[in-house]
């Protein structure tokens, strides 16, 4: 019953999170559900097991999460995310609209920007590129997700995503562990995802399907939301700005390597 309780608790956590409930409230609640299914003492399990593990998790990973969030917010507020997006679209053009969206998403998320921030910045750019290339807008979420939520989240060496940093103290590894396998896995994810998107695009064009209406995807509303929250002093995209973004990303990666090495050594068994 313990395994059933874990599955039920995870299901409730995911479902209620999508319904808009705060994870800070849901996590203790579903922990009690899992303990009830396992037949554990509820109060003791909640106070001694769950709270102790939660406090240890925060103590170990709060610094890197805080710095990553600050760096992502800095890139967002300074206009760096938009500069990357426009730089990629300008270099690759309309004929490679899907590739431009994927690479732009990969660059901003590998630099530490939250995928939620990246999505709302990339959506207007993808909308314009897909409309100009007459690519069905239903492929926009897949293109953005491929760049922001696959290889840069779980496979690229040095990625600041939580999926890469959480296992470090348990396995005694660094964010750059198994770089060869990580690069190979990233190449497989990127190649297969891009192949599927191009196949879907070719199939849509063969059947006569075009961009379609914005109302079905809501990209117009996303663009309005983005413009409403953007200061007018955002930086413009230029070559110097793009090179500055590359240097910033390299600095972020090196900082991650330097700051996490002592943590891994102290937590290694």
C-alpha atoms as a PDB file:
ATOM      1  CA  UNK A   1       0.000   0.000   0.000  1.00  0.00           C
ATOM      2  CA  UNK A   2       2.957   2.301   0.496  1.00  0.00           C
ATOM      3  CA  UNK A   3       3.682   2.370  -3.251  1.00  0.00           C
ATOM      4  CA  UNK A   4       0.008   3.013  -3.984  1.00  0.00           C
ATOM      5  CA  UNK A   5       0.082   5.897  -1.505  1.00  0.00           C
ATOM      6  CA  UNK A   6       3.103   7.431  -3.251  1.00  0.00           C
ATOM      7  CA  UNK A   7       1.385   7.214  -6.648  1.00  0.00           C
ATOM      8  CA  UNK A   8      -1.852   8.680  -5.273  1.00  0.00           C
ATOM      9  CA  UNK A   9       0.050  11.487  -3.545  1.00  0.00           C
ATOM     10  CA  UNK A  10       1.986  12.330  -6.715  1.00  0.00           C
ATOM     11  CA  UNK A  11      -1.211  12.247  -8.759  1.00  0.00           C
ATOM     12  CA  UNK A  12      -2.919  14.637  -6.351  1.00  0.00           C
ATOM     13  CA  UNK A  13       0.135  16.914  -6.325  1.00  0.00           C
ATOM     14  CA  UNK A  14       0.228  17.160 -10.128  1.00  0.00           C
ATOM     15  CA  UNK A  15      -3.530  17.517 -10.583  1.00  0.00           C
ATOM     16  CA  UNK A  16      -4.037  20.157  -7.900  1.00  0.00           C
ATOM     17  CA  UNK A  17      -0.941  22.058  -9.048  1.00  0.00           C
ATOM     18  CA  UNK A  18      -2.440  22.340 -12.517  1.00  0.00           C
ATOM     19  CA  UNK A  19      -5.642  23.534 -10.861  1.00  0.00           C
ATOM     20  CA  UNK A  20      -3.713  26.482  -9.410  1.00  0.00           C
ATOM     21  CA  UNK A  21      -3.005  25.291  -5.873  1.00  0.00           C
ATOM     22  CA  UNK A  22       0.261  26.314  -4.235  1.00  0.00           C
ATOM     23  CA  UNK A  23       2.877  23.573  -4.020  1.00  0.00           C
ATOM     24  CA  UNK A  24       3.921  24.925  -0.610  1.00  0.00           C
ATOM     25  CA  UNK A  25       0.510  23.901   0.704  1.00  0.00           C
ATOM     26  CA  UNK A  26       0.134  20.732  -1.337  1.00  0.00           C
ATOM     27  CA  UNK A  27       3.455  19.110  -0.428  1.00  0.00           C
ATOM     28  CA  UNK A  28       2.725  18.681   3.319  1.00  0.00           C
ATOM     29  CA  UNK A  29      -0.834  17.588   2.563  1.00  0.00           C
ATOM     30  CA  UNK A  30       0.101  14.867   0.075  1.00  0.00           C
ATOM     31  CA  UNK A  31       2.888  13.706   2.416  1.00  0.00           C
ATOM     32  CA  UNK A  32       0.194  12.937   4.993  1.00  0.00           C
ATOM     33  CA  UNK A  33      -1.784  11.064   2.318  1.00  0.00           C
ATOM     34  CA  UNK A  34       1.247   8.910   1.495  1.00  0.00           C
ATOM     35  CA  UNK A  35       1.841   8.225   5.197  1.00  0.00           C
ATOM     36  CA  UNK A  36      -1.800   7.239   5.694  1.00  0.00           C
ATOM     37  CA  UNK A  37      -1.644   4.685   2.869  1.00  0.00           C
ATOM     38  CA  UNK A  38       1.561   3.235   4.348  1.00  0.00           C
ATOM     39  CA  UNK A  39       0.008   2.939   7.812  1.00  0.00           C
ATOM     40  CA  UNK A  40       2.601   5.254   9.376  1.00  0.00           C
ATOM     41  CA  UNK A  41       1.857   7.506  12.394  1.00  0.00           C
ATOM     42  CA  UNK A  42       0.667  10.667  10.680  1.00  0.00           C
ATOM     43  CA  UNK A  43       1.985  13.332  13.057  1.00  0.00           C
ATOM     44  CA  UNK A  44       5.361  11.649  13.577  1.00  0.00           C
ATOM     45  CA  UNK A  45       5.804  11.046   9.860  1.00  0.00           C
ATOM     46  CA  UNK A  46       4.882  14.642   9.043  1.00  0.00           C
ATOM     47  CA  UNK A  47       7.061  16.338  11.677  1.00  0.00           C
ATOM     48  CA  UNK A  48      10.083  14.035  11.755  1.00  0.00           C
ATOM     49  CA  UNK A  49      10.353  12.545   8.260  1.00  0.00           C
ATOM     50  CA  UNK A  50       8.806  15.075   5.878  1.00  0.00           C
ATOM     51  CA  UNK A  51       9.819  18.304   7.627  1.00  0.00           C
ATOM     52  CA  UNK A  52      13.352  17.093   8.307  1.00  0.00           C
ATOM     53  CA  UNK A  53      13.887  16.049   4.680  1.00  0.00           C
ATOM     54  CA  UNK A  54      12.360  19.291   3.407  1.00  0.00           C
ATOM     55  CA  UNK A  55      14.656  21.365   5.628  1.00  0.00           C
ATOM     56  CA  UNK A  56      17.704  19.413   4.464  1.00  0.00           C
ATOM     57  CA  UNK A  57      16.709  19.902   0.822  1.00  0.00           C
ATOM     58  CA  UNK A  58      16.343  23.667   1.272  1.00  0.00           C
ATOM     59  CA  UNK A  59      19.663  23.917   3.111  1.00  0.00           C
ATOM     60  CA  UNK A  60      21.532  22.067   0.344  1.00  0.00           C
ATOM     61  CA  UNK A  61      20.036  23.626  -2.770  1.00  0.00           C
ATOM     62  CA  UNK A  62      18.721  27.066  -1.813  1.00  0.00           C
ATOM     63  CA  UNK A  63      21.942  28.952  -2.750  1.00  0.00           C
ATOM     64  CA  UNK A  64      22.121  27.617  -6.307  1.00  0.00           C
ATOM     65  CA  UNK A  65      18.376  28.051  -6.824  1.00  0.00           C
ATOM     66  CA  UNK A  66      18.533  31.618  -5.517  1.00  0.00           C
ATOM     67  CA  UNK A  67      21.461  32.588  -7.722  1.00  0.00           C
ATOM     68  CA  UNK A  68      19.884  30.895 -10.738  1.00  0.00           C
ATOM     69  CA  UNK A  69      16.592  32.715 -10.191  1.00  0.00           C
ATOM     70  CA  UNK A  70      18.379  36.063  -9.790  1.00  0.00           C
ATOM     71  CA  UNK A  71      20.392  35.500 -12.956  1.00  0.00           C
ATOM     72  CA  UNK A  72      17.269  34.522 -14.897  1.00  0.00           C
ATOM     73  CA  UNK A  73      15.403  37.568 -13.627  1.00  0.00           C
ATOM     74  CA  UNK A  74      18.334  39.789 -14.585  1.00  0.00           C
ATOM     75  CA  UNK A  75      18.375  38.403 -18.115  1.00  0.00           C
ATOM     76  CA  UNK A  76      14.614  38.853 -18.385  1.00  0.00           C
ATOM     77  CA  UNK A  77      14.471  42.424 -17.076  1.00  0.00           C
ATOM     78  CA  UNK A  78      17.500  43.551 -19.070  1.00  0.00           C
ATOM     79  CA  UNK A  79      16.010  42.293 -22.335  1.00  0.00           C
ATOM     80  CA  UNK A  80      18.717  39.679 -22.853  1.00  0.00           C
ATOM     81  CA  UNK A  81      16.208  36.899 -23.408  1.00  0.00           C
ATOM     82  CA  UNK A  82      14.485  38.868 -26.159  1.00  0.00           C
ATOM     83  CA  UNK A  83      17.855  39.762 -27.679  1.00  0.00           C
ATOM     84  CA  UNK A  84      18.757  36.072 -27.937  1.00  0.00           C
ATOM     85  CA  UNK A  85      15.396  35.243 -29.488  1.00  0.00           C
ATOM     86  CA  UNK A  86      15.616  37.997 -32.101  1.00  0.00           C
ATOM     87  CA  UNK A  87      19.279  37.224 -32.825  1.00  0.00           C
ATOM     88  CA  UNK A  88      18.478  33.573 -33.581  1.00  0.00           C
ATOM     89  CA  UNK A  89      15.466  34.428 -35.735  1.00  0.00           C
ATOM     90  CA  UNK A  90      17.463  37.067 -37.628  1.00  0.00           C
ATOM     91  CA  UNK A  91      20.370  34.712 -38.352  1.00  0.00           C
ATOM     92  CA  UNK A  92      18.345  31.641 -39.326  1.00  0.00           C
ATOM     93  CA  UNK A  93      15.421  33.386 -41.029  1.00  0.00           C
ATOM     94  CA  UNK A  94      11.896  32.256 -41.817  1.00  0.00           C
ATOM     95  CA  UNK A  95      12.900  29.101 -43.705  1.00  0.00           C
ATOM     96  CA  UNK A  96      14.353  27.666 -40.507  1.00  0.00           C
ATOM     97  CA  UNK A  97      11.672  28.965 -38.157  1.00  0.00           C
ATOM     98  CA  UNK A  98      11.416  25.764 -36.109  1.00  0.00           C
ATOM     99  CA  UNK A  99      15.198  25.520 -35.683  1.00  0.00           C
ATOM    100  CA  UNK A 100      15.375  29.191 -34.648  1.00  0.00           C
ATOM    101  CA  UNK A 101      12.739  28.704 -31.935  1.00  0.00           C
ATOM    102  CA  UNK A 102      14.403  25.525 -30.629  1.00  0.00           C
ATOM    103  CA  UNK A 103      17.899  27.039 -30.458  1.00  0.00           C
ATOM    104  CA  UNK A 104      16.655  30.257 -28.862  1.00  0.00           C
ATOM    105  CA  UNK A 105      14.875  28.289 -26.160  1.00  0.00           C
ATOM    106  CA  UNK A 106      17.956  26.143 -25.574  1.00  0.00           C
ATOM    107  CA  UNK A 107      20.236  29.168 -25.201  1.00  0.00           C
ATOM    108  CA  UNK A 108      18.093  31.023 -22.684  1.00  0.00           C
ATOM    109  CA  UNK A 109      17.301  27.996 -20.494  1.00  0.00           C
ATOM    110  CA  UNK A 110      20.893  26.741 -20.510  1.00  0.00           C
ATOM    111  CA  UNK A 111      21.847  30.198 -19.276  1.00  0.00           C
ATOM    112  CA  UNK A 112      19.630  29.768 -16.209  1.00  0.00           C
ATOM    113  CA  UNK A 113      16.361  31.398 -17.311  1.00  0.00           C
ATOM    114  CA  UNK A 114      13.212  29.689 -16.043  1.00  0.00           C
ATOM    115  CA  UNK A 115      11.383  27.829 -18.798  1.00  0.00           C
ATOM    116  CA  UNK A 116       8.176  29.652 -17.818  1.00  0.00           C
ATOM    117  CA  UNK A 117       9.849  33.011 -18.455  1.00  0.00           C
ATOM    118  CA  UNK A 118      11.374  31.665 -21.661  1.00  0.00           C
ATOM    119  CA  UNK A 119       8.001  30.423 -22.927  1.00  0.00           C
ATOM    120  CA  UNK A 120       6.257  33.772 -22.626  1.00  0.00           C
ATOM    121  CA  UNK A 121       9.176  35.532 -24.299  1.00  0.00           C
ATOM    122  CA  UNK A 122       9.601  32.997 -27.103  1.00  0.00           C
ATOM    123  CA  UNK A 123       5.899  32.636 -27.906  1.00  0.00           C
ATOM    124  CA  UNK A 124       5.526  36.026 -29.671  1.00  0.00           C
ATOM    125  CA  UNK A 125       8.714  35.429 -31.677  1.00  0.00           C
ATOM    126  CA  UNK A 126       7.583  31.923 -32.641  1.00  0.00           C
ATOM    127  CA  UNK A 127       4.181  33.289 -33.613  1.00  0.00           C
ATOM    128  CA  UNK A 128       5.657  35.719 -36.119  1.00  0.00           C
ATOM    129  CA  UNK A 129       8.115  33.193 -37.566  1.00  0.00           C
ATOM    130  CA  UNK A 130       5.523  30.439 -37.897  1.00  0.00           C
ATOM    131  CA  UNK A 131       3.037  32.807 -39.536  1.00  0.00           C
ATOM    132  CA  UNK A 132       5.621  34.049 -42.031  1.00  0.00           C
ATOM    133  CA  UNK A 133       6.688  30.480 -42.879  1.00  0.00           C
ATOM    134  CA  UNK A 134       3.045  29.275 -42.899  1.00  0.00           C
ATOM    135  CA  UNK A 135       3.788  26.566 -40.334  1.00  0.00           C
ATOM    136  CA  UNK A 136       0.787  25.326 -38.307  1.00  0.00           C
ATOM    137  CA  UNK A 137       0.656  27.127 -34.992  1.00  0.00           C
ATOM    138  CA  UNK A 138      -0.196  23.853 -33.227  1.00  0.00           C
ATOM    139  CA  UNK A 139       3.507  22.963 -33.537  1.00  0.00           C
ATOM    140  CA  UNK A 140       4.610  26.047 -31.587  1.00  0.00           C
ATOM    141  CA  UNK A 141       4.340  24.479 -28.086  1.00  0.00           C
ATOM    142  CA  UNK A 142       6.335  21.437 -29.243  1.00  0.00           C
ATOM    143  CA  UNK A 143       9.093  23.602 -30.755  1.00  0.00           C
ATOM    144  CA  UNK A 144       9.371  25.736 -27.621  1.00  0.00           C
ATOM    145  CA  UNK A 145       9.281  22.680 -25.340  1.00  0.00           C
ATOM    146  CA  UNK A 146      12.029  20.943 -27.335  1.00  0.00           C
ATOM    147  CA  UNK A 147      14.367  23.873 -26.783  1.00  0.00           C
ATOM    148  CA  UNK A 148      13.462  24.642 -23.161  1.00  0.00           C
ATOM    149  CA  UNK A 149      12.344  21.382 -21.537  1.00  0.00           C
ATOM    150  CA  UNK A 150      14.413  18.501 -22.921  1.00  0.00           C
ATOM    151  CA  UNK A 151      18.190  18.371 -23.377  1.00  0.00           C
ATOM    152  CA  UNK A 152      18.976  21.674 -21.630  1.00  0.00           C
ATOM    153  CA  UNK A 153      16.914  20.549 -18.646  1.00  0.00           C
ATOM    154  CA  UNK A 154      18.296  17.067 -18.089  1.00  0.00           C
ATOM    155  CA  UNK A 155      21.244  16.174 -20.343  1.00  0.00           C
ATOM    156  CA  UNK A 156      23.537  19.101 -21.187  1.00  0.00           C
ATOM    157  CA  UNK A 157      26.638  19.159 -18.952  1.00  0.00           C
ATOM    158  CA  UNK A 158      26.565  22.049 -16.491  1.00  0.00           C
ATOM    159  CA  UNK A 159      22.899  22.923 -16.871  1.00  0.00           C
ATOM    160  CA  UNK A 160      21.590  24.791 -13.777  1.00  0.00           C
ATOM    161  CA  UNK A 161      18.209  23.003 -13.927  1.00  0.00           C
ATOM    162  CA  UNK A 162      17.035  21.324 -10.732  1.00  0.00           C
ATOM    163  CA  UNK A 163      16.902  17.957 -12.524  1.00  0.00           C
ATOM    164  CA  UNK A 164      20.678  18.179 -12.803  1.00  0.00           C
ATOM    165  CA  UNK A 165      21.524  19.670  -9.418  1.00  0.00           C
ATOM    166  CA  UNK A 166      19.308  17.656  -7.059  1.00  0.00           C
ATOM    167  CA  UNK A 167      21.044  14.263  -7.617  1.00  0.00           C
ATOM    168  CA  UNK A 168      24.534  15.715  -6.977  1.00  0.00           C
ATOM    169  CA  UNK A 169      24.856  15.053  -3.212  1.00  0.00           C
ATOM    170  CA  UNK A 170      23.345  11.583  -3.526  1.00  0.00           C
ATOM    171  CA  UNK A 171      25.723  10.398  -6.255  1.00  0.00           C
ATOM    172  CA  UNK A 172      28.692  12.577  -5.325  1.00  0.00           C
ATOM    173  CA  UNK A 173      28.788  14.137  -8.786  1.00  0.00           C
ATOM    174  CA  UNK A 174      29.121  17.630 -10.224  1.00  0.00           C
ATOM    175  CA  UNK A 175      26.820  19.442 -12.687  1.00  0.00           C
ATOM    176  CA  UNK A 176      29.299  18.417 -15.393  1.00  0.00           C
ATOM    177  CA  UNK A 177      29.272  14.688 -14.602  1.00  0.00           C
ATOM    178  CA  UNK A 178      29.473  12.331 -17.622  1.00  0.00           C
ATOM    179  CA  UNK A 179      29.906  15.107 -20.184  1.00  0.00           C
ATOM    180  CA  UNK A 180      30.341  12.673 -23.063  1.00  0.00           C
ATOM    181  CA  UNK A 181      27.116  10.800 -22.350  1.00  0.00           C
ATOM    182  CA  UNK A 182      25.329  14.094 -21.702  1.00  0.00           C
ATOM    183  CA  UNK A 183      26.357  15.527 -25.057  1.00  0.00           C
ATOM    184  CA  UNK A 184      25.381  12.312 -26.850  1.00  0.00           C
ATOM    185  CA  UNK A 185      21.991  12.239 -25.101  1.00  0.00           C
ATOM    186  CA  UNK A 186      21.471  15.916 -25.919  1.00  0.00           C
ATOM    187  CA  UNK A 187      22.284  15.305 -29.577  1.00  0.00           C
ATOM    188  CA  UNK A 188      19.799  12.406 -29.702  1.00  0.00           C
ATOM    189  CA  UNK A 189      17.025  14.462 -28.066  1.00  0.00           C
ATOM    190  CA  UNK A 190      17.710  17.437 -30.319  1.00  0.00           C
ATOM    191  CA  UNK A 191      17.951  15.415 -33.536  1.00  0.00           C
ATOM    192  CA  UNK A 192      14.900  13.243 -32.889  1.00  0.00           C
ATOM    193  CA  UNK A 193      12.767  16.181 -31.732  1.00  0.00           C
ATOM    194  CA  UNK A 194      13.769  18.309 -34.721  1.00  0.00           C
ATOM    195  CA  UNK A 195      13.153  15.371 -37.082  1.00  0.00           C
ATOM    196  CA  UNK A 196       9.656  14.884 -35.659  1.00  0.00           C
ATOM    197  CA  UNK A 197       8.835  18.581 -35.946  1.00  0.00           C
ATOM    198  CA  UNK A 198      10.057  18.748 -39.553  1.00  0.00           C
ATOM    199  CA  UNK A 199       8.080  15.608 -40.348  1.00  0.00           C
ATOM    200  CA  UNK A 200       4.948  17.125 -38.832  1.00  0.00           C
ATOM    201  CA  UNK A 201       5.548  20.343 -40.782  1.00  0.00           C
ATOM    202  CA  UNK A 202       5.957  18.449 -44.058  1.00  0.00           C
ATOM    203  CA  UNK A 203       2.827  16.410 -43.369  1.00  0.00           C
ATOM    204  CA  UNK A 204       0.840  19.565 -42.632  1.00  0.00           C
ATOM    205  CA  UNK A 205       2.002  21.278 -45.821  1.00  0.00           C
ATOM    206  CA  UNK A 206       1.223  18.139 -47.826  1.00  0.00           C
ATOM    207  CA  UNK A 207      -2.353  18.155 -46.522  1.00  0.00           C
ATOM    208  CA  UNK A 208      -2.706  21.880 -47.231  1.00  0.00           C
ATOM    209  CA  UNK A 209      -2.673  22.983 -43.597  1.00  0.00           C
ATOM    210  CA  UNK A 210      -1.309  26.475 -42.957  1.00  0.00           C
ATOM    211  CA  UNK A 211      -0.660  28.632 -39.933  1.00  0.00           C
ATOM    212  CA  UNK A 212      -4.306  28.794 -38.867  1.00  0.00           C
ATOM    213  CA  UNK A 213      -5.995  31.156 -36.458  1.00  0.00           C
ATOM    214  CA  UNK A 214      -4.273  32.671 -33.438  1.00  0.00           C
ATOM    215  CA  UNK A 215      -7.401  32.286 -31.342  1.00  0.00           C
ATOM    216  CA  UNK A 216      -6.920  28.525 -31.131  1.00  0.00           C
ATOM    217  CA  UNK A 217      -3.501  28.838 -29.525  1.00  0.00           C
ATOM    218  CA  UNK A 218      -3.907  32.201 -27.844  1.00  0.00           C
ATOM    219  CA  UNK A 219      -0.566  33.554 -29.043  1.00  0.00           C
ATOM    220  CA  UNK A 220      -2.109  36.957 -29.632  1.00  0.00           C
ATOM    221  CA  UNK A 221      -3.108  37.180 -25.992  1.00  0.00           C
ATOM    222  CA  UNK A 222       0.385  36.056 -24.980  1.00  0.00           C
ATOM    223  CA  UNK A 223       1.960  38.776 -27.120  1.00  0.00           C
ATOM    224  CA  UNK A 224      -0.303  41.407 -25.577  1.00  0.00           C
ATOM    225  CA  UNK A 225       0.616  40.190 -22.112  1.00  0.00           C
ATOM    226  CA  UNK A 226       4.325  40.319 -22.907  1.00  0.00           C
ATOM    227  CA  UNK A 227       4.154  43.845 -24.352  1.00  0.00           C
ATOM    228  CA  UNK A 228       2.148  45.044 -21.364  1.00  0.00           C
ATOM    229  CA  UNK A 229       4.861  43.953 -18.949  1.00  0.00           C
ATOM    230  CA  UNK A 230       7.922  45.031 -20.931  1.00  0.00           C
ATOM    231  CA  UNK A 231       9.632  48.307 -20.044  1.00  0.00           C
ATOM    232  CA  UNK A 232      10.357  50.549 -23.010  1.00  0.00           C
ATOM    233  CA  UNK A 233      14.041  50.664 -22.078  1.00  0.00           C
ATOM    234  CA  UNK A 234      14.705  47.064 -23.129  1.00  0.00           C
ATOM    235  CA  UNK A 235      17.937  46.531 -25.000  1.00  0.00           C
ATOM    236  CA  UNK A 236      17.872  46.085 -28.749  1.00  0.00           C
ATOM    237  CA  UNK A 237      19.383  43.121 -30.496  1.00  0.00           C
ATOM    238  CA  UNK A 238      22.802  43.727 -31.999  1.00  0.00           C
ATOM    239  CA  UNK A 239      25.973  41.791 -32.579  1.00  0.00           C
ATOM    240  CA  UNK A 240      27.639  43.293 -29.522  1.00  0.00           C
ATOM    241  CA  UNK A 241      24.621  42.389 -27.390  1.00  0.00           C
ATOM    242  CA  UNK A 242      24.659  38.820 -28.687  1.00  0.00           C
ATOM    243  CA  UNK A 243      28.359  38.386 -27.921  1.00  0.00           C
ATOM    244  CA  UNK A 244      27.775  39.818 -24.459  1.00  0.00           C
ATOM    245  CA  UNK A 245      25.086  37.190 -23.914  1.00  0.00           C
ATOM    246  CA  UNK A 246      27.484  34.417 -24.939  1.00  0.00           C
ATOM    247  CA  UNK A 247      30.101  35.694 -22.496  1.00  0.00           C
ATOM    248  CA  UNK A 248      27.474  35.914 -19.755  1.00  0.00           C
ATOM    249  CA  UNK A 249      26.377  32.341 -20.351  1.00  0.00           C
ATOM    250  CA  UNK A 250      29.974  31.099 -20.182  1.00  0.00           C
ATOM    251  CA  UNK A 251      30.509  33.038 -16.948  1.00  0.00           C
ATOM    252  CA  UNK A 252      27.355  31.472 -15.482  1.00  0.00           C
ATOM    253  CA  UNK A 253      28.531  27.980 -16.420  1.00  0.00           C
ATOM    254  CA  UNK A 254      31.985  28.512 -14.907  1.00  0.00           C
ATOM    255  CA  UNK A 255      30.471  29.974 -11.734  1.00  0.00           C
ATOM    256  CA  UNK A 256      28.242  26.912 -11.394  1.00  0.00           C
ATOM    257  CA  UNK A 257      31.276  24.633 -11.675  1.00  0.00           C
ATOM    258  CA  UNK A 258      33.298  26.575  -9.090  1.00  0.00           C
ATOM    259  CA  UNK A 259      30.515  27.013  -6.538  1.00  0.00           C
ATOM    260  CA  UNK A 260      29.132  23.470  -6.657  1.00  0.00           C
ATOM    261  CA  UNK A 261      32.441  21.589  -6.444  1.00  0.00           C
ATOM    262  CA  UNK A 262      32.877  22.151  -2.655  1.00  0.00           C
ATOM    263  CA  UNK A 263      29.221  21.214  -2.080  1.00  0.00           C
ATOM    264  CA  UNK A 264      29.613  17.915  -3.910  1.00  0.00           C
ATOM    265  CA  UNK A 265      32.812  17.030  -2.043  1.00  0.00           C
ATOM    266  CA  UNK A 266      31.182  17.724   1.326  1.00  0.00           C
ATOM    267  CA  UNK A 267      28.094  15.645   0.484  1.00  0.00           C
ATOM    268  CA  UNK A 268      29.862  12.733  -1.167  1.00  0.00           C
ATOM    269  CA  UNK A 269      29.684   9.452   0.799  1.00  0.00           C
END
